[in-house]
Amino acid sequence: MQAEVSNNFEASEVLEQRQYCSFWLANRLFGVDILHVKEINRVLEFTTIFHAPKEVKGYVNIRGQIHLVLDLRLLLGFEASALSDQSSVLIFKTQIAEPFGVLVDKIGDVVGVSVDEVETRSMFDDSSLSDTDSLSDAGANLVEGVCKLENDIMVVLDAYKFISAVKF
């Protein structure tokens, strides 16, 4: 009987942790729920989509599947940047939207954070987020919350809102 109680306690601890795929944009740390990420890919050859909004980087073919790629820097209101050897595309699961990904400057680590450590949008007013002050209005709407890590602050983004933030 004691072992059952112990196992139930461990399961509740796991539920209180969330894992984030972290990445860097404009020297700032961001993250998205790891459960929404299908893969991280280094394919950086994009097919341009003429007359598309500036936030649309183009299409990328990954193992025969075509994915729309958004430039997350532009979507958040930062300056465009040249691709580097550390640039990557985060591809999201189809439960988020049709096959798409976002271009990021550099991939970070998988970060485990306790649920109560993430200050969600309902816990703060927009003026209290100094790290998100430089985000565009559309970019600020993508913010799900903010959490303080040991050596940095990570802005948590809501992947469900990426596609709808682009004005097609």
N, C-alpha and C. Protein backbone atom coordinates (compact mmCIF):
# COMPACT_ATOMS: atom_id res chain seq x y z
N MET A 1 0.82 -1.19 0.00
CA MET A 1 0.00 0.00 0.00
C MET A 1 0.87 1.26 0.00
N GLN A 2 1.95 1.24 0.74
CA GLN A 2 2.85 2.39 0.80
C GLN A 2 3.45 2.71 -0.57
N ALA A 3 3.80 1.69 -1.36
CA ALA A 3 4.39 1.91 -2.68
C ALA A 3 3.41 2.61 -3.62
N GLU A 4 2.12 2.29 -3.51
CA GLU A 4 1.12 2.93 -4.36
C GLU A 4 1.03 4.43 -4.07
N VAL A 5 1.06 4.80 -2.83
CA VAL A 5 1.00 6.22 -2.46
C VAL A 5 2.23 6.94 -3.00
N SER A 6 3.40 6.32 -2.90
CA SER A 6 4.63 6.92 -3.39
C SER A 6 4.56 7.13 -4.90
N ASN A 7 4.07 6.15 -5.65
CA ASN A 7 3.96 6.29 -7.10
C ASN A 7 3.00 7.39 -7.50
N ASN A 8 1.88 7.50 -6.78
CA ASN A 8 0.93 8.58 -7.07
C ASN A 8 1.54 9.94 -6.82
N PHE A 9 2.36 10.06 -5.78
CA PHE A 9 3.01 11.33 -5.48
C PHE A 9 3.97 11.72 -6.59
N GLU A 10 4.75 10.74 -7.08
CA GLU A 10 5.69 11.02 -8.17
C GLU A 10 4.96 11.45 -9.43
N ALA A 11 3.83 10.84 -9.73
CA ALA A 11 3.05 11.21 -10.92
C ALA A 11 2.54 12.64 -10.81
N SER A 12 2.13 13.06 -9.61
CA SER A 12 1.63 14.43 -9.46
C SER A 12 2.77 15.44 -9.61
N GLU A 13 3.99 15.06 -9.20
CA GLU A 13 5.14 15.94 -9.39
C GLU A 13 5.42 16.15 -10.88
N VAL A 14 5.32 15.10 -11.67
CA VAL A 14 5.58 15.17 -13.10
C VAL A 14 4.57 16.11 -13.75
N LEU A 15 3.32 16.07 -13.32
CA LEU A 15 2.28 16.92 -13.90
C LEU A 15 2.53 18.39 -13.62
N GLU A 16 3.25 18.70 -12.56
CA GLU A 16 3.51 20.09 -12.21
C GLU A 16 4.70 20.66 -12.98
N GLN A 17 5.44 19.84 -13.69
CA GLN A 17 6.58 20.29 -14.48
C GLN A 17 6.17 20.43 -15.94
N ARG A 18 6.66 21.44 -16.61
CA ARG A 18 6.47 21.58 -18.05
C ARG A 18 7.85 21.67 -18.68
N GLN A 19 7.98 21.06 -19.83
CA GLN A 19 9.22 21.06 -20.57
C GLN A 19 9.09 22.05 -21.73
N TYR A 20 10.10 22.87 -21.92
CA TYR A 20 10.10 23.85 -23.00
C TYR A 20 11.32 23.64 -23.89
N CYS A 21 11.10 23.77 -25.19
CA CYS A 21 12.19 23.80 -26.15
C CYS A 21 12.62 25.26 -26.19
N SER A 22 13.82 25.55 -25.75
CA SER A 22 14.26 26.94 -25.69
C SER A 22 15.09 27.28 -26.93
N PHE A 23 15.07 28.55 -27.27
CA PHE A 23 15.81 29.02 -28.43
C PHE A 23 16.09 30.51 -28.26
N TRP A 24 17.02 30.99 -29.06
CA TRP A 24 17.45 32.38 -28.98
C TRP A 24 17.01 33.16 -30.22
N LEU A 25 16.53 34.36 -29.99
CA LEU A 25 16.19 35.32 -31.03
C LEU A 25 16.64 36.68 -30.55
N ALA A 26 17.40 37.38 -31.34
CA ALA A 26 17.85 38.74 -31.00
C ALA A 26 18.44 38.78 -29.59
N ASN A 27 19.27 37.79 -29.27
CA ASN A 27 19.96 37.69 -27.96
C ASN A 27 19.01 37.61 -26.78
N ARG A 28 17.80 37.11 -27.00
CA ARG A 28 16.84 36.89 -25.93
C ARG A 28 16.41 35.43 -25.96
N LEU A 29 16.13 34.89 -24.78
CA LEU A 29 15.75 33.49 -24.65
C LEU A 29 14.23 33.35 -24.70
N PHE A 30 13.77 32.46 -25.58
CA PHE A 30 12.35 32.16 -25.73
C PHE A 30 12.17 30.67 -25.59
N GLY A 31 10.93 30.25 -25.39
CA GLY A 31 10.63 28.83 -25.33
C GLY A 31 9.21 28.54 -25.76
N VAL A 32 9.01 27.32 -26.26
CA VAL A 32 7.68 26.82 -26.59
C VAL A 32 7.54 25.45 -25.95
N ASP A 33 6.32 25.06 -25.67
CA ASP A 33 6.05 23.77 -25.06
C ASP A 33 6.65 22.67 -25.93
N ILE A 34 7.47 21.82 -25.35
CA ILE A 34 8.14 20.75 -26.11
C ILE A 34 7.13 19.78 -26.71
N LEU A 35 5.95 19.67 -26.12
CA LEU A 35 4.94 18.76 -26.64
C LEU A 35 4.37 19.23 -27.98
N HIS A 36 4.60 20.50 -28.31
CA HIS A 36 4.12 21.04 -29.59
C HIS A 36 5.15 20.92 -30.71
N VAL A 37 6.39 20.61 -30.35
CA VAL A 37 7.48 20.57 -31.32
C VAL A 37 7.61 19.17 -31.90
N LYS A 38 7.59 19.10 -33.22
CA LYS A 38 7.78 17.82 -33.91
C LYS A 38 9.26 17.52 -34.08
N GLU A 39 10.02 18.52 -34.54
CA GLU A 39 11.45 18.33 -34.74
C GLU A 39 12.15 19.67 -34.89
N ILE A 40 13.46 19.61 -34.79
CA ILE A 40 14.32 20.77 -35.05
C ILE A 40 15.14 20.40 -36.27
N ASN A 41 15.14 21.29 -37.26
CA ASN A 41 15.80 20.96 -38.51
C ASN A 41 16.74 22.08 -38.93
N ARG A 42 17.84 21.71 -39.56
CA ARG A 42 18.82 22.69 -40.02
C ARG A 42 18.67 23.02 -41.51
N VAL A 43 17.61 22.50 -42.16
CA VAL A 43 17.37 22.81 -43.57
C VAL A 43 17.05 24.28 -43.69
N LEU A 44 17.89 25.01 -44.40
CA LEU A 44 17.71 26.46 -44.50
C LEU A 44 17.59 26.92 -45.95
N GLU A 45 17.18 26.03 -46.83
CA GLU A 45 16.95 26.39 -48.22
C GLU A 45 15.45 26.59 -48.40
N PHE A 46 15.04 27.84 -48.52
CA PHE A 46 13.62 28.17 -48.57
C PHE A 46 13.19 28.49 -49.99
N THR A 47 11.98 28.11 -50.33
CA THR A 47 11.36 28.51 -51.59
C THR A 47 10.54 29.75 -51.30
N THR A 48 10.86 30.83 -51.95
CA THR A 48 10.18 32.10 -51.72
C THR A 48 8.73 32.02 -52.16
N ILE A 49 7.87 32.66 -51.41
CA ILE A 49 6.46 32.78 -51.76
C ILE A 49 6.22 34.24 -52.12
N PHE A 50 6.08 34.50 -53.40
CA PHE A 50 5.92 35.88 -53.85
C PHE A 50 4.62 36.47 -53.33
N HIS A 51 4.65 37.73 -52.98
CA HIS A 51 3.52 38.50 -52.46
C HIS A 51 3.05 38.02 -51.08
N ALA A 52 3.86 37.23 -50.41
CA ALA A 52 3.53 36.80 -49.05
C ALA A 52 3.93 37.89 -48.08
N PRO A 53 3.32 37.93 -46.90
CA PRO A 53 3.74 38.89 -45.88
C PRO A 53 5.22 38.72 -45.54
N LYS A 54 5.83 39.79 -45.07
CA LYS A 54 7.27 39.75 -44.79
C LYS A 54 7.64 38.71 -43.73
N GLU A 55 6.71 38.36 -42.85
CA GLU A 55 6.99 37.37 -41.80
C GLU A 55 7.11 35.95 -42.34
N VAL A 56 6.66 35.73 -43.57
CA VAL A 56 6.73 34.40 -44.18
C VAL A 56 8.08 34.27 -44.87
N LYS A 57 8.90 33.37 -44.37
CA LYS A 57 10.22 33.15 -44.95
C LYS A 57 10.12 32.36 -46.25
N GLY A 58 9.17 31.45 -46.32
CA GLY A 58 8.96 30.64 -47.52
C GLY A 58 8.56 29.23 -47.15
N TYR A 59 8.72 28.35 -48.12
CA TYR A 59 8.45 26.93 -47.89
C TYR A 59 9.75 26.18 -47.79
N VAL A 60 9.74 25.07 -47.03
CA VAL A 60 10.89 24.20 -46.95
C VAL A 60 10.37 22.76 -47.13
N ASN A 61 11.13 21.98 -47.87
CA ASN A 61 10.78 20.59 -48.11
C ASN A 61 11.62 19.73 -47.18
N ILE A 62 10.94 19.04 -46.27
CA ILE A 62 11.64 18.16 -45.33
C ILE A 62 11.09 16.75 -45.52
N ARG A 63 11.94 15.90 -46.07
CA ARG A 63 11.58 14.50 -46.35
C ARG A 63 10.28 14.40 -47.14
N GLY A 64 10.12 15.25 -48.13
CA GLY A 64 8.96 15.19 -49.01
C GLY A 64 7.72 15.90 -48.51
N GLN A 65 7.77 16.46 -47.31
CA GLN A 65 6.62 17.21 -46.80
C GLN A 65 6.95 18.70 -46.83
N ILE A 66 6.02 19.48 -47.35
CA ILE A 66 6.22 20.91 -47.49
C ILE A 66 5.72 21.61 -46.22
N HIS A 67 6.57 22.46 -45.66
CA HIS A 67 6.24 23.22 -44.45
C HIS A 67 6.36 24.72 -44.74
N LEU A 68 5.40 25.48 -44.30
CA LEU A 68 5.50 26.93 -44.32
C LEU A 68 6.46 27.33 -43.21
N VAL A 69 7.36 28.27 -43.48
CA VAL A 69 8.30 28.72 -42.45
C VAL A 69 8.10 30.21 -42.20
N LEU A 70 7.88 30.55 -40.94
CA LEU A 70 7.72 31.94 -40.52
C LEU A 70 9.03 32.43 -39.92
N ASP A 71 9.35 33.68 -40.17
CA ASP A 71 10.51 34.31 -39.55
C ASP A 71 10.05 34.86 -38.21
N LEU A 72 10.36 34.15 -37.15
CA LEU A 72 9.86 34.52 -35.83
C LEU A 72 10.41 35.87 -35.37
N ARG A 73 11.61 36.23 -35.83
CA ARG A 73 12.16 37.57 -35.50
C ARG A 73 11.20 38.66 -35.96
N LEU A 74 10.76 38.56 -37.22
CA LEU A 74 9.86 39.58 -37.76
C LEU A 74 8.49 39.53 -37.10
N LEU A 75 8.03 38.32 -36.81
CA LEU A 75 6.72 38.15 -36.18
C LEU A 75 6.69 38.81 -34.79
N LEU A 76 7.82 38.78 -34.11
CA LEU A 76 7.90 39.38 -32.77
C LEU A 76 8.28 40.86 -32.81
N GLY A 77 8.61 41.38 -33.98
CA GLY A 77 8.92 42.80 -34.11
C GLY A 77 10.39 43.14 -34.04
N PHE A 78 11.26 42.15 -34.14
CA PHE A 78 12.70 42.40 -34.16
C PHE A 78 13.16 42.64 -35.60
N GLU A 79 14.39 43.12 -35.73
CA GLU A 79 15.00 43.32 -37.06
C GLU A 79 15.28 41.97 -37.71
N ALA A 80 15.20 41.95 -39.03
CA ALA A 80 15.57 40.74 -39.77
C ALA A 80 17.06 40.49 -39.58
N SER A 81 17.47 39.25 -39.73
CA SER A 81 18.87 38.89 -39.54
C SER A 81 19.27 37.89 -40.61
N ALA A 82 20.53 37.93 -40.98
CA ALA A 82 21.04 36.96 -41.95
C ALA A 82 21.10 35.59 -41.28
N LEU A 83 20.96 34.55 -42.10
CA LEU A 83 21.07 33.19 -41.59
C LEU A 83 22.50 32.93 -41.17
N SER A 84 22.66 32.12 -40.14
CA SER A 84 24.00 31.75 -39.67
C SER A 84 24.09 30.24 -39.60
N ASP A 85 25.25 29.74 -39.23
CA ASP A 85 25.42 28.30 -39.10
C ASP A 85 24.67 27.74 -37.89
N GLN A 86 24.15 28.62 -37.03
CA GLN A 86 23.37 28.18 -35.88
C GLN A 86 21.87 28.32 -36.09
N SER A 87 21.45 28.94 -37.19
CA SER A 87 20.02 29.10 -37.48
C SER A 87 19.38 27.73 -37.65
N SER A 88 18.15 27.62 -37.19
CA SER A 88 17.40 26.36 -37.28
C SER A 88 15.93 26.66 -37.49
N VAL A 89 15.22 25.62 -37.90
CA VAL A 89 13.78 25.71 -38.05
C VAL A 89 13.14 24.76 -37.05
N LEU A 90 12.25 25.28 -36.22
CA LEU A 90 11.45 24.46 -35.32
C LEU A 90 10.20 24.08 -36.08
N ILE A 91 9.99 22.79 -36.27
CA ILE A 91 8.80 22.29 -36.96
C ILE A 91 7.79 21.86 -35.89
N PHE A 92 6.55 22.31 -36.07
CA PHE A 92 5.51 22.02 -35.08
C PHE A 92 4.63 20.87 -35.52
N LYS A 93 4.04 20.20 -34.56
CA LYS A 93 3.12 19.09 -34.83
C LYS A 93 1.87 19.64 -35.51
N THR A 94 1.20 18.78 -36.26
CA THR A 94 0.02 19.22 -37.01
C THR A 94 -1.16 19.55 -36.10
N GLN A 95 -1.12 19.18 -34.84
CA GLN A 95 -2.18 19.57 -33.91
C GLN A 95 -2.18 21.08 -33.68
N ILE A 96 -1.05 21.74 -33.91
CA ILE A 96 -0.94 23.19 -33.75
C ILE A 96 -1.55 23.90 -34.95
N ALA A 97 -1.19 23.48 -36.15
CA ALA A 97 -1.69 24.05 -37.39
C ALA A 97 -1.18 23.18 -38.54
N GLU A 98 -1.56 23.55 -39.76
CA GLU A 98 -1.03 22.85 -40.93
C GLU A 98 0.49 22.86 -40.83
N PRO A 99 1.16 21.95 -41.54
CA PRO A 99 2.62 21.85 -41.37
C PRO A 99 3.33 23.21 -41.51
N PHE A 100 3.97 23.61 -40.43
CA PHE A 100 4.71 24.87 -40.44
C PHE A 100 5.82 24.81 -39.41
N GLY A 101 6.71 25.78 -39.53
CA GLY A 101 7.81 25.91 -38.60
C GLY A 101 8.18 27.37 -38.46
N VAL A 102 9.08 27.64 -37.54
CA VAL A 102 9.57 29.00 -37.35
C VAL A 102 11.09 28.99 -37.39
N LEU A 103 11.63 30.04 -37.99
CA LEU A 103 13.07 30.21 -38.07
C LEU A 103 13.56 30.88 -36.79
N VAL A 104 14.59 30.30 -36.17
CA VAL A 104 15.15 30.86 -34.94
C VAL A 104 16.65 31.03 -35.13
N ASP A 105 17.24 31.92 -34.34
CA ASP A 105 18.67 32.20 -34.44
C ASP A 105 19.54 31.04 -33.96
N LYS A 106 19.14 30.44 -32.83
CA LYS A 106 19.96 29.38 -32.23
C LYS A 106 19.07 28.56 -31.30
N ILE A 107 19.26 27.27 -31.32
CA ILE A 107 18.51 26.37 -30.44
C ILE A 107 19.19 26.34 -29.07
N GLY A 108 18.37 26.33 -28.02
CA GLY A 108 18.89 26.21 -26.66
C GLY A 108 18.71 24.78 -26.18
N ASP A 109 18.38 24.64 -24.93
CA ASP A 109 18.19 23.34 -24.30
C ASP A 109 16.72 23.09 -24.05
N VAL A 110 16.41 21.87 -23.67
CA VAL A 110 15.09 21.57 -23.13
C VAL A 110 15.13 22.01 -21.68
N VAL A 111 14.19 22.86 -21.33
CA VAL A 111 14.18 23.44 -19.99
C VAL A 111 12.94 22.95 -19.24
N GLY A 112 13.15 22.35 -18.10
CA GLY A 112 12.05 21.93 -17.24
C GLY A 112 11.74 23.00 -16.22
N VAL A 113 10.48 23.41 -16.17
CA VAL A 113 10.08 24.49 -15.27
C VAL A 113 8.82 24.06 -14.54
N SER A 114 8.77 24.33 -13.26
CA SER A 114 7.57 24.09 -12.49
C SER A 114 6.47 25.02 -12.98
N VAL A 115 5.25 24.52 -13.04
CA VAL A 115 4.12 25.30 -13.56
C VAL A 115 3.96 26.61 -12.80
N ASP A 116 4.17 26.60 -11.50
CA ASP A 116 3.97 27.82 -10.72
C ASP A 116 5.09 28.84 -10.90
N GLU A 117 6.17 28.48 -11.60
CA GLU A 117 7.25 29.42 -11.87
C GLU A 117 7.00 30.26 -13.12
N VAL A 118 6.02 29.89 -13.92
CA VAL A 118 5.71 30.63 -15.14
C VAL A 118 4.62 31.64 -14.82
N GLU A 119 4.98 32.90 -14.97
CA GLU A 119 4.00 33.96 -14.77
C GLU A 119 3.22 34.10 -16.07
N THR A 120 1.96 33.70 -16.04
CA THR A 120 1.14 33.76 -17.24
C THR A 120 0.61 35.17 -17.45
N ARG A 121 0.06 35.40 -18.63
CA ARG A 121 -0.44 36.73 -18.97
C ARG A 121 -1.48 37.22 -17.96
N SER A 122 -2.24 36.32 -17.36
CA SER A 122 -3.24 36.74 -16.39
C SER A 122 -2.62 37.21 -15.07
N MET A 123 -1.32 36.92 -14.86
CA MET A 123 -0.66 37.27 -13.60
C MET A 123 0.06 38.61 -13.67
N PHE A 124 0.19 39.19 -14.85
CA PHE A 124 0.93 40.44 -14.94
C PHE A 124 0.24 41.37 -15.90
N ASP A 125 0.50 42.67 -15.73
CA ASP A 125 0.05 43.61 -16.74
C ASP A 125 1.19 43.80 -17.73
N ASP A 126 0.89 44.25 -18.93
CA ASP A 126 1.90 44.33 -19.98
C ASP A 126 3.07 45.24 -19.60
N SER A 127 2.85 46.22 -18.74
CA SER A 127 3.93 47.14 -18.38
C SER A 127 4.95 46.51 -17.44
N SER A 128 4.62 45.36 -16.84
CA SER A 128 5.55 44.75 -15.89
C SER A 128 6.58 43.84 -16.56
N LEU A 129 6.51 43.69 -17.86
CA LEU A 129 7.43 42.79 -18.55
C LEU A 129 8.50 43.56 -19.29
N SER A 130 9.56 43.90 -18.60
CA SER A 130 10.61 44.68 -19.25
C SER A 130 11.27 43.91 -20.38
N ASP A 131 11.35 42.57 -20.29
CA ASP A 131 11.99 41.78 -21.33
C ASP A 131 11.17 41.73 -22.61
N THR A 132 9.88 41.99 -22.52
CA THR A 132 9.04 41.94 -23.71
C THR A 132 8.69 43.32 -24.22
N ASP A 133 9.29 44.37 -23.63
CA ASP A 133 8.99 45.74 -24.05
C ASP A 133 9.31 45.98 -25.52
N SER A 134 10.32 45.32 -26.04
CA SER A 134 10.73 45.56 -27.42
C SER A 134 9.90 44.76 -28.43
N LEU A 135 8.97 43.94 -27.96
CA LEU A 135 8.13 43.17 -28.86
C LEU A 135 7.09 44.06 -29.51
N SER A 136 6.74 43.74 -30.75
CA SER A 136 5.65 44.45 -31.41
C SER A 136 4.34 44.07 -30.73
N ASP A 137 3.27 44.79 -31.04
CA ASP A 137 1.96 44.46 -30.46
C ASP A 137 1.56 43.03 -30.81
N ALA A 138 1.76 42.67 -32.09
CA ALA A 138 1.44 41.30 -32.52
C ALA A 138 2.33 40.31 -31.78
N GLY A 139 3.60 40.64 -31.59
CA GLY A 139 4.52 39.77 -30.89
C GLY A 139 4.15 39.60 -29.42
N ALA A 140 3.72 40.67 -28.79
CA ALA A 140 3.32 40.59 -27.39
C ALA A 140 2.12 39.67 -27.21
N ASN A 141 1.26 39.59 -28.23
CA ASN A 141 0.10 38.69 -28.16
C ASN A 141 0.50 37.22 -28.24
N LEU A 142 1.71 36.94 -28.67
CA LEU A 142 2.20 35.57 -28.75
C LEU A 142 2.74 35.07 -27.41
N VAL A 143 2.94 35.99 -26.47
CA VAL A 143 3.54 35.64 -25.18
C VAL A 143 2.51 34.95 -24.30
N GLU A 144 2.88 33.76 -23.84
CA GLU A 144 2.05 32.99 -22.92
C GLU A 144 2.43 33.30 -21.48
N GLY A 145 3.71 33.58 -21.26
CA GLY A 145 4.18 33.86 -19.92
C GLY A 145 5.67 34.10 -19.90
N VAL A 146 6.19 34.29 -18.70
CA VAL A 146 7.61 34.54 -18.50
C VAL A 146 8.05 33.74 -17.29
N CYS A 147 9.25 33.17 -17.37
CA CYS A 147 9.75 32.48 -16.18
C CYS A 147 11.22 32.82 -15.97
N LYS A 148 11.57 32.91 -14.73
CA LYS A 148 12.95 33.22 -14.35
C LYS A 148 13.70 31.90 -14.18
N LEU A 149 14.78 31.77 -14.93
CA LEU A 149 15.65 30.61 -14.82
C LEU A 149 16.84 30.98 -13.95
N GLU A 150 17.72 30.06 -13.74
CA GLU A 150 18.88 30.31 -12.89
C GLU A 150 19.71 31.48 -13.39
N ASN A 151 19.97 31.54 -14.71
CA ASN A 151 20.85 32.58 -15.25
C ASN A 151 20.20 33.47 -16.29
N ASP A 152 18.89 33.34 -16.49
CA ASP A 152 18.24 34.10 -17.56
C ASP A 152 16.75 34.18 -17.31
N ILE A 153 16.09 34.92 -18.17
CA ILE A 153 14.63 34.99 -18.18
C ILE A 153 14.18 34.43 -19.51
N MET A 154 13.23 33.48 -19.47
CA MET A 154 12.72 32.89 -20.69
C MET A 154 11.29 33.36 -20.94
N VAL A 155 11.07 33.88 -22.13
CA VAL A 155 9.73 34.29 -22.54
C VAL A 155 9.08 33.09 -23.21
N VAL A 156 7.97 32.63 -22.67
CA VAL A 156 7.27 31.46 -23.18
C VAL A 156 6.25 31.93 -24.21
N LEU A 157 6.33 31.35 -25.41
CA LEU A 157 5.44 31.72 -26.50
C LEU A 157 4.37 30.66 -26.73
N ASP A 158 3.23 31.08 -27.24
CA ASP A 158 2.11 30.19 -27.53
C ASP A 158 2.14 29.85 -29.02
N ALA A 159 2.56 28.65 -29.36
CA ALA A 159 2.70 28.23 -30.76
C ALA A 159 1.37 28.23 -31.50
N TYR A 160 0.27 28.06 -30.79
CA TYR A 160 -1.05 28.06 -31.43
C TYR A 160 -1.35 29.40 -32.10
N LYS A 161 -0.71 30.46 -31.66
CA LYS A 161 -1.02 31.81 -32.17
C LYS A 161 -0.10 32.27 -33.30
N PHE A 162 0.92 31.49 -33.65
CA PHE A 162 1.90 31.93 -34.65
C PHE A 162 1.27 32.20 -36.00
N ILE A 163 0.55 31.25 -36.53
CA ILE A 163 -0.05 31.40 -37.87
C ILE A 163 -1.05 32.54 -37.90
N SER A 164 -1.89 32.64 -36.88
CA SER A 164 -2.92 33.69 -36.88
C SER A 164 -2.32 35.09 -36.72
N ALA A 165 -1.08 35.18 -36.25
CA ALA A 165 -0.44 36.49 -36.10
C ALA A 165 0.03 37.07 -37.43
N VAL A 166 0.14 36.21 -38.45
CA VAL A 166 0.56 36.69 -39.78
C VAL A 166 -0.67 37.24 -40.50
N LYS A 167 -0.54 38.44 -41.04
CA LYS A 167 -1.64 39.08 -41.77
C LYS A 167 -1.56 38.68 -43.24
N PHE A 168 -2.29 37.63 -43.60
CA PHE A 168 -2.29 37.16 -45.00
C PHE A 168 -3.22 37.99 -45.84
